[in-house]
């Protein structure tokens, strides 16, 4: 089994999900007492969120590269960034290390293609929805992306930072998300990407009529496959 280094803490709520999903995936595949060979470097999200709000992406790139290098030096055979938004800095991280970076958008695109879906809605932070680093990566895989309108994007973003990253799950916010998801479906989305790793804590498949792609889940699945590949 190969070892993966996880850059987590952004937020730790979803980092817990990654740890559980990867370990469960390994146990299911190998049975017995098997668990995953993992390293984790967990950041203080308060500092990260402040730099995001200030647009200090160069400082954030330096921070992520430092943590990725620490994981590589500790023995990681590959690195994962356990958040969608910080994949804005994936190119810098890839350049800073000599081991593979398992990209969350690649895992998302694979899940969509396996379902025969070529047009998907995208929910996430404003950075993920409005900037092209994520949608462009999906488009390289032949996936067209729809995003909510400005008012809806504000709702999605605020719920992530003010509620989900603090561990708060509110039924009123779930209904708002479901309404936005239904609107994206009406616009032609064959699925909706939960493009923030915390959204899956709030919205699951039973809440919506359109297929959902939980990015934390598919990213973790990709990790399991990579760890066990010959």
C-alpha atoms as a PDB file:
ATOM      1  CA  UNK A   1       0.000   0.000   0.000  1.00  0.00           C
ATOM      2  CA  UNK A   2       1.286   3.456  -0.889  1.00  0.00           C
ATOM      3  CA  UNK A   3       1.141   6.372   1.553  1.00  0.00           C
ATOM      4  CA  UNK A   4      -0.805   9.569   0.889  1.00  0.00           C
ATOM      5  CA  UNK A   5      -0.175  12.888   2.589  1.00  0.00           C
ATOM      6  CA  UNK A   6      -3.298  14.930   3.301  1.00  0.00           C
ATOM      7  CA  UNK A   7      -3.250  18.724   3.572  1.00  0.00           C
ATOM      8  CA  UNK A   8      -6.263  19.286   5.809  1.00  0.00           C
ATOM      9  CA  UNK A   9      -7.834  21.662   8.272  1.00  0.00           C
ATOM     10  CA  UNK A  10      -9.643  23.704   5.604  1.00  0.00           C
ATOM     11  CA  UNK A  11     -11.885  23.083   7.369  1.00  0.00           C
ATOM     12  CA  UNK A  12     -11.211  20.246   9.798  1.00  0.00           C
ATOM     13  CA  UNK A  13     -14.900  19.325   9.561  1.00  0.00           C
ATOM     14  CA  UNK A  14     -14.335  17.869   6.107  1.00  0.00           C
ATOM     15  CA  UNK A  15     -10.839  16.591   6.928  1.00  0.00           C
ATOM     16  CA  UNK A  16     -12.551  14.202   9.361  1.00  0.00           C
ATOM     17  CA  UNK A  17     -14.681  12.979   6.452  1.00  0.00           C
ATOM     18  CA  UNK A  18     -11.588  12.334   4.337  1.00  0.00           C
ATOM     19  CA  UNK A  19      -9.911  10.350   7.103  1.00  0.00           C
ATOM     20  CA  UNK A  20     -13.002   8.200   7.646  1.00  0.00           C
ATOM     21  CA  UNK A  21     -13.732   7.607   3.966  1.00  0.00           C
ATOM     22  CA  UNK A  22     -10.186   6.643   3.020  1.00  0.00           C
ATOM     23  CA  UNK A  23      -9.785   4.302   5.970  1.00  0.00           C
ATOM     24  CA  UNK A  24     -13.183   2.705   5.350  1.00  0.00           C
ATOM     25  CA  UNK A  25     -12.346   2.305   1.677  1.00  0.00           C
ATOM     26  CA  UNK A  26      -9.089   0.515   2.454  1.00  0.00           C
ATOM     27  CA  UNK A  27     -10.762  -1.714   5.056  1.00  0.00           C
ATOM     28  CA  UNK A  28     -13.525  -2.653   2.616  1.00  0.00           C
ATOM     29  CA  UNK A  29     -11.020  -3.502  -0.106  1.00  0.00           C
ATOM     30  CA  UNK A  30      -8.496  -5.386   2.029  1.00  0.00           C
ATOM     31  CA  UNK A  31     -10.657  -6.629   4.902  1.00  0.00           C
ATOM     32  CA  UNK A  32      -9.566  -7.668   8.344  1.00  0.00           C
ATOM     33  CA  UNK A  33      -7.797  -5.037  10.427  1.00  0.00           C
ATOM     34  CA  UNK A  34      -6.453  -3.092   7.445  1.00  0.00           C
ATOM     35  CA  UNK A  35      -6.491   0.692   7.495  1.00  0.00           C
ATOM     36  CA  UNK A  36      -4.956   3.419   5.336  1.00  0.00           C
ATOM     37  CA  UNK A  37      -1.337   4.545   5.410  1.00  0.00           C
ATOM     38  CA  UNK A  38      -1.843   8.292   5.802  1.00  0.00           C
ATOM     39  CA  UNK A  39       0.035  11.388   6.858  1.00  0.00           C
ATOM     40  CA  UNK A  40      -1.791  14.624   7.601  1.00  0.00           C
ATOM     41  CA  UNK A  41      -0.661  18.205   7.880  1.00  0.00           C
ATOM     42  CA  UNK A  42      -3.538  20.276   9.236  1.00  0.00           C
ATOM     43  CA  UNK A  43      -3.662  24.061   8.878  1.00  0.00           C
ATOM     44  CA  UNK A  44      -5.355  26.698  11.025  1.00  0.00           C
ATOM     45  CA  UNK A  45      -8.326  27.629   8.853  1.00  0.00           C
ATOM     46  CA  UNK A  46      -8.854  31.009  10.507  1.00  0.00           C
ATOM     47  CA  UNK A  47      -5.514  32.182   9.127  1.00  0.00           C
ATOM     48  CA  UNK A  48      -6.212  30.621   5.735  1.00  0.00           C
ATOM     49  CA  UNK A  49      -9.690  32.191   5.437  1.00  0.00           C
ATOM     50  CA  UNK A  50      -8.308  35.621   6.334  1.00  0.00           C
ATOM     51  CA  UNK A  51      -5.672  35.393   3.612  1.00  0.00           C
ATOM     52  CA  UNK A  52      -8.317  34.218   1.134  1.00  0.00           C
ATOM     53  CA  UNK A  53     -10.515  37.214   1.942  1.00  0.00           C
ATOM     54  CA  UNK A  54      -7.540  39.534   1.490  1.00  0.00           C
ATOM     55  CA  UNK A  55      -6.631  37.972  -1.855  1.00  0.00           C
ATOM     56  CA  UNK A  56      -3.223  36.950  -0.522  1.00  0.00           C
ATOM     57  CA  UNK A  57      -2.900  33.944  -2.790  1.00  0.00           C
ATOM     58  CA  UNK A  58       0.888  34.137  -3.086  1.00  0.00           C
ATOM     59  CA  UNK A  59       1.193  33.781   0.695  1.00  0.00           C
ATOM     60  CA  UNK A  60      -1.274  30.889   0.616  1.00  0.00           C
ATOM     61  CA  UNK A  61       0.688  29.198  -2.155  1.00  0.00           C
ATOM     62  CA  UNK A  62       3.854  29.434  -0.056  1.00  0.00           C
ATOM     63  CA  UNK A  63       1.978  27.951   2.900  1.00  0.00           C
ATOM     64  CA  UNK A  64       0.543  25.024   0.941  1.00  0.00           C
ATOM     65  CA  UNK A  65       3.837  24.281  -0.775  1.00  0.00           C
ATOM     66  CA  UNK A  66       5.574  24.182   2.591  1.00  0.00           C
ATOM     67  CA  UNK A  67       3.047  21.698   3.965  1.00  0.00           C
ATOM     68  CA  UNK A  68       3.210  19.574   0.805  1.00  0.00           C
ATOM     69  CA  UNK A  69       6.994  19.420   1.039  1.00  0.00           C
ATOM     70  CA  UNK A  70       6.775  18.422   4.696  1.00  0.00           C
ATOM     71  CA  UNK A  71       4.492  15.537   3.772  1.00  0.00           C
ATOM     72  CA  UNK A  72       6.781  14.433   0.959  1.00  0.00           C
ATOM     73  CA  UNK A  73       9.800  14.567   3.266  1.00  0.00           C
ATOM     74  CA  UNK A  74       7.891  12.525   5.844  1.00  0.00           C
ATOM     75  CA  UNK A  75       7.381   9.735   3.306  1.00  0.00           C
ATOM     76  CA  UNK A  76       4.191  10.540   1.368  1.00  0.00           C
ATOM     77  CA  UNK A  77       4.080   8.901  -2.070  1.00  0.00           C
ATOM     78  CA  UNK A  78       1.420  11.399  -3.198  1.00  0.00           C
ATOM     79  CA  UNK A  79      -0.291  14.488  -1.797  1.00  0.00           C
ATOM     80  CA  UNK A  80      -3.939  15.534  -1.623  1.00  0.00           C
ATOM     81  CA  UNK A  81      -5.364  18.984  -0.846  1.00  0.00           C
ATOM     82  CA  UNK A  82      -8.545  18.238   1.128  1.00  0.00           C
ATOM     83  CA  UNK A  83     -10.497  21.248  -0.111  1.00  0.00           C
ATOM     84  CA  UNK A  84     -11.762  22.452  -3.490  1.00  0.00           C
ATOM     85  CA  UNK A  85     -10.968  26.158  -3.170  1.00  0.00           C
ATOM     86  CA  UNK A  86      -7.285  25.692  -2.453  1.00  0.00           C
ATOM     87  CA  UNK A  87      -6.895  23.760  -5.713  1.00  0.00           C
ATOM     88  CA  UNK A  88      -6.560  27.248  -7.160  1.00  0.00           C
ATOM     89  CA  UNK A  89      -2.961  26.770  -6.025  1.00  0.00           C
ATOM     90  CA  UNK A  90      -2.564  23.212  -7.339  1.00  0.00           C
ATOM     91  CA  UNK A  91      -0.076  24.217 -10.070  1.00  0.00           C
ATOM     92  CA  UNK A  92       2.260  25.796  -7.514  1.00  0.00           C
ATOM     93  CA  UNK A  93       2.001  22.769  -5.223  1.00  0.00           C
ATOM     94  CA  UNK A  94       2.670  20.361  -8.098  1.00  0.00           C
ATOM     95  CA  UNK A  95       5.787  22.322  -9.005  1.00  0.00           C
ATOM     96  CA  UNK A  96       7.030  22.300  -5.392  1.00  0.00           C
ATOM     97  CA  UNK A  97       6.994  18.512  -4.923  1.00  0.00           C
ATOM     98  CA  UNK A  98       8.358  15.479  -6.709  1.00  0.00           C
ATOM     99  CA  UNK A  99       5.399  13.194  -5.979  1.00  0.00           C
ATOM    100  CA  UNK A 100       1.957  13.291  -7.628  1.00  0.00           C
ATOM    101  CA  UNK A 101      -0.814  15.637  -6.512  1.00  0.00           C
ATOM    102  CA  UNK A 102      -4.174  13.863  -6.749  1.00  0.00           C
ATOM    103  CA  UNK A 103      -6.431  16.647  -8.063  1.00  0.00           C
ATOM    104  CA  UNK A 104      -9.993  16.848  -6.760  1.00  0.00           C
ATOM    105  CA  UNK A 105     -11.438  18.097 -10.062  1.00  0.00           C
ATOM    106  CA  UNK A 106     -10.010  15.084 -11.912  1.00  0.00           C
ATOM    107  CA  UNK A 107     -11.788  12.747  -9.493  1.00  0.00           C
ATOM    108  CA  UNK A 108     -14.979  14.779  -9.918  1.00  0.00           C
ATOM    109  CA  UNK A 109     -14.787  14.665 -13.706  1.00  0.00           C
ATOM    110  CA  UNK A 110     -14.226  10.893 -13.642  1.00  0.00           C
ATOM    111  CA  UNK A 111     -17.348  10.401 -11.532  1.00  0.00           C
ATOM    112  CA  UNK A 112     -19.424  12.522 -13.903  1.00  0.00           C
ATOM    113  CA  UNK A 113     -18.119  10.738 -17.003  1.00  0.00           C
ATOM    114  CA  UNK A 114     -18.844   7.349 -15.456  1.00  0.00           C
ATOM    115  CA  UNK A 115     -22.452   8.517 -15.103  1.00  0.00           C
ATOM    116  CA  UNK A 116     -22.551   9.778 -18.693  1.00  0.00           C
ATOM    117  CA  UNK A 117     -22.994  13.395 -17.561  1.00  0.00           C
ATOM    118  CA  UNK A 118     -21.413  16.197 -19.595  1.00  0.00           C
ATOM    119  CA  UNK A 119     -23.125  19.254 -18.061  1.00  0.00           C
ATOM    120  CA  UNK A 120     -23.121  19.847 -14.323  1.00  0.00           C
ATOM    121  CA  UNK A 121     -23.966  22.594 -11.871  1.00  0.00           C
ATOM    122  CA  UNK A 122     -21.256  23.729  -9.484  1.00  0.00           C
ATOM    123  CA  UNK A 123     -21.697  24.819  -5.871  1.00  0.00           C
ATOM    124  CA  UNK A 124     -18.762  25.980  -3.767  1.00  0.00           C
ATOM    125  CA  UNK A 125     -17.105  29.044  -2.373  1.00  0.00           C
ATOM    126  CA  UNK A 126     -17.237  32.199  -4.468  1.00  0.00           C
ATOM    127  CA  UNK A 127     -13.615  31.499  -5.418  1.00  0.00           C
ATOM    128  CA  UNK A 128     -14.497  28.084  -6.804  1.00  0.00           C
ATOM    129  CA  UNK A 129     -17.695  29.168  -8.555  1.00  0.00           C
ATOM    130  CA  UNK A 130     -16.504  32.462 -10.022  1.00  0.00           C
ATOM    131  CA  UNK A 131     -12.854  31.862 -10.905  1.00  0.00           C
ATOM    132  CA  UNK A 132     -11.873  29.552 -13.742  1.00  0.00           C
ATOM    133  CA  UNK A 133      -9.325  27.258 -12.056  1.00  0.00           C
ATOM    134  CA  UNK A 134     -11.963  24.620 -11.257  1.00  0.00           C
ATOM    135  CA  UNK A 135     -14.377  24.896 -14.174  1.00  0.00           C
ATOM    136  CA  UNK A 136     -11.482  25.005 -16.635  1.00  0.00           C
ATOM    137  CA  UNK A 137     -10.101  21.750 -15.239  1.00  0.00           C
ATOM    138  CA  UNK A 138     -13.517  20.128 -15.652  1.00  0.00           C
ATOM    139  CA  UNK A 139     -13.825  21.487 -19.180  1.00  0.00           C
ATOM    140  CA  UNK A 140     -10.546  19.772 -20.052  1.00  0.00           C
ATOM    141  CA  UNK A 141     -12.411  16.538 -19.312  1.00  0.00           C
ATOM    142  CA  UNK A 142     -15.370  17.551 -21.506  1.00  0.00           C
ATOM    143  CA  UNK A 143     -17.638  18.721 -18.655  1.00  0.00           C
ATOM    144  CA  UNK A 144     -19.620  21.943 -19.158  1.00  0.00           C
ATOM    145  CA  UNK A 145     -20.259  23.880 -15.943  1.00  0.00           C
ATOM    146  CA  UNK A 146     -23.263  25.913 -14.792  1.00  0.00           C
ATOM    147  CA  UNK A 147     -23.052  28.167 -11.734  1.00  0.00           C
ATOM    148  CA  UNK A 148     -25.803  29.820  -9.654  1.00  0.00           C
ATOM    149  CA  UNK A 149     -26.711  33.472 -10.093  1.00  0.00           C
ATOM    150  CA  UNK A 150     -25.044  36.148  -7.991  1.00  0.00           C
ATOM    151  CA  UNK A 151     -27.600  36.142  -5.175  1.00  0.00           C
ATOM    152  CA  UNK A 152     -27.478  32.363  -4.978  1.00  0.00           C
ATOM    153  CA  UNK A 153     -23.676  32.352  -5.016  1.00  0.00           C
ATOM    154  CA  UNK A 154     -23.681  34.699  -2.041  1.00  0.00           C
ATOM    155  CA  UNK A 155     -25.977  32.320  -0.121  1.00  0.00           C
ATOM    156  CA  UNK A 156     -23.846  29.285  -0.931  1.00  0.00           C
ATOM    157  CA  UNK A 157     -20.628  31.053   0.061  1.00  0.00           C
ATOM    158  CA  UNK A 158     -21.967  32.463   3.321  1.00  0.00           C
ATOM    159  CA  UNK A 159     -23.401  29.135   4.468  1.00  0.00           C
ATOM    160  CA  UNK A 160     -20.035  27.459   3.883  1.00  0.00           C
ATOM    161  CA  UNK A 161     -17.992  29.941   5.908  1.00  0.00           C
ATOM    162  CA  UNK A 162     -20.516  30.955   8.542  1.00  0.00           C
ATOM    163  CA  UNK A 163     -22.111  27.571   9.192  1.00  0.00           C
ATOM    164  CA  UNK A 164     -20.580  24.445   7.667  1.00  0.00           C
ATOM    165  CA  UNK A 165     -16.957  25.228   8.477  1.00  0.00           C
ATOM    166  CA  UNK A 166     -18.095  25.808  12.063  1.00  0.00           C
ATOM    167  CA  UNK A 167     -19.910  22.476  12.239  1.00  0.00           C
ATOM    168  CA  UNK A 168     -23.392  24.037  12.065  1.00  0.00           C
ATOM    169  CA  UNK A 169     -26.034  22.141  10.071  1.00  0.00           C
ATOM    170  CA  UNK A 170     -29.262  24.131   9.587  1.00  0.00           C
ATOM    171  CA  UNK A 171     -32.395  22.841   7.882  1.00  0.00           C
ATOM    172  CA  UNK A 172     -33.230  26.320   6.522  1.00  0.00           C
ATOM    173  CA  UNK A 173     -29.847  26.448   4.771  1.00  0.00           C
ATOM    174  CA  UNK A 174     -30.395  22.942   3.406  1.00  0.00           C
ATOM    175  CA  UNK A 175     -33.663  24.108   1.846  1.00  0.00           C
ATOM    176  CA  UNK A 176     -31.920  27.104   0.293  1.00  0.00           C
ATOM    177  CA  UNK A 177     -29.295  24.822  -1.200  1.00  0.00           C
ATOM    178  CA  UNK A 178     -31.948  22.425  -2.494  1.00  0.00           C
ATOM    179  CA  UNK A 179     -33.766  25.316  -4.176  1.00  0.00           C
ATOM    180  CA  UNK A 180     -30.540  26.420  -5.855  1.00  0.00           C
ATOM    181  CA  UNK A 181     -29.798  22.850  -6.942  1.00  0.00           C
ATOM    182  CA  UNK A 182     -33.317  22.555  -8.415  1.00  0.00           C
ATOM    183  CA  UNK A 183     -32.749  25.785 -10.345  1.00  0.00           C
ATOM    184  CA  UNK A 184     -29.508  24.439 -11.811  1.00  0.00           C
ATOM    185  CA  UNK A 185     -31.347  21.273 -12.805  1.00  0.00           C
ATOM    186  CA  UNK A 186     -33.983  23.385 -14.567  1.00  0.00           C
ATOM    187  CA  UNK A 187     -31.166  25.064 -16.516  1.00  0.00           C
ATOM    188  CA  UNK A 188     -30.009  21.697 -17.822  1.00  0.00           C
ATOM    189  CA  UNK A 189     -27.561  20.367 -15.245  1.00  0.00           C
ATOM    190  CA  UNK A 190     -27.467  16.567 -15.369  1.00  0.00           C
ATOM    191  CA  UNK A 191     -25.854  16.569 -11.931  1.00  0.00           C
ATOM    192  CA  UNK A 192     -24.712  19.079  -9.355  1.00  0.00           C
ATOM    193  CA  UNK A 193     -21.175  19.111  -7.996  1.00  0.00           C
ATOM    194  CA  UNK A 194     -20.869  19.734  -4.274  1.00  0.00           C
ATOM    195  CA  UNK A 195     -17.695  21.678  -4.973  1.00  0.00           C
ATOM    196  CA  UNK A 196     -16.855  22.427  -1.377  1.00  0.00           C
ATOM    197  CA  UNK A 197     -15.891  19.480   0.778  1.00  0.00           C
ATOM    198  CA  UNK A 198     -18.212  20.623   3.586  1.00  0.00           C
ATOM    199  CA  UNK A 199     -21.415  20.746   1.492  1.00  0.00           C
ATOM    200  CA  UNK A 200     -21.879  16.996   1.724  1.00  0.00           C
ATOM    201  CA  UNK A 201     -22.385  17.457   5.465  1.00  0.00           C
ATOM    202  CA  UNK A 202     -25.531  19.485   4.673  1.00  0.00           C
ATOM    203  CA  UNK A 203     -26.982  18.046   1.464  1.00  0.00           C
ATOM    204  CA  UNK A 204     -27.150  14.390   0.434  1.00  0.00           C
ATOM    205  CA  UNK A 205     -28.766  12.527  -2.432  1.00  0.00           C
ATOM    206  CA  UNK A 206     -32.031  11.940  -0.573  1.00  0.00           C
ATOM    207  CA  UNK A 207     -32.623  15.697  -0.446  1.00  0.00           C
ATOM    208  CA  UNK A 208     -32.575  16.244  -4.240  1.00  0.00           C
ATOM    209  CA  UNK A 209     -33.959  14.734  -7.427  1.00  0.00           C
ATOM    210  CA  UNK A 210     -30.808  15.422  -9.464  1.00  0.00           C
ATOM    211  CA  UNK A 211     -27.641  13.345  -8.963  1.00  0.00           C
ATOM    212  CA  UNK A 212     -25.067  14.932  -6.649  1.00  0.00           C
ATOM    213  CA  UNK A 213     -21.303  14.520  -6.812  1.00  0.00           C
ATOM    214  CA  UNK A 214     -19.839  14.851  -3.326  1.00  0.00           C
ATOM    215  CA  UNK A 215     -16.278  15.938  -4.075  1.00  0.00           C
ATOM    216  CA  UNK A 216     -14.887  14.802  -0.716  1.00  0.00           C
ATOM    217  CA  UNK A 217     -16.298  11.341  -1.363  1.00  0.00           C
ATOM    218  CA  UNK A 218     -15.007  10.944  -4.926  1.00  0.00           C
ATOM    219  CA  UNK A 219     -11.620  12.421  -3.975  1.00  0.00           C
ATOM    220  CA  UNK A 220     -11.322   9.908  -1.137  1.00  0.00           C
ATOM    221  CA  UNK A 221     -12.332   7.093  -3.490  1.00  0.00           C
ATOM    222  CA  UNK A 222      -9.617   8.190  -5.914  1.00  0.00           C
ATOM    223  CA  UNK A 223      -7.130   8.080  -3.041  1.00  0.00           C
ATOM    224  CA  UNK A 224      -8.063   4.486  -2.212  1.00  0.00           C
ATOM    225  CA  UNK A 225      -7.698   3.417  -5.838  1.00  0.00           C
ATOM    226  CA  UNK A 226      -4.290   5.105  -6.110  1.00  0.00           C
ATOM    227  CA  UNK A 227      -3.007   3.649  -2.851  1.00  0.00           C
ATOM    228  CA  UNK A 228      -3.851   0.100  -3.898  1.00  0.00           C
ATOM    229  CA  UNK A 229      -2.869   0.324  -7.567  1.00  0.00           C
ATOM    230  CA  UNK A 230       0.075  -1.825  -8.603  1.00  0.00           C
END
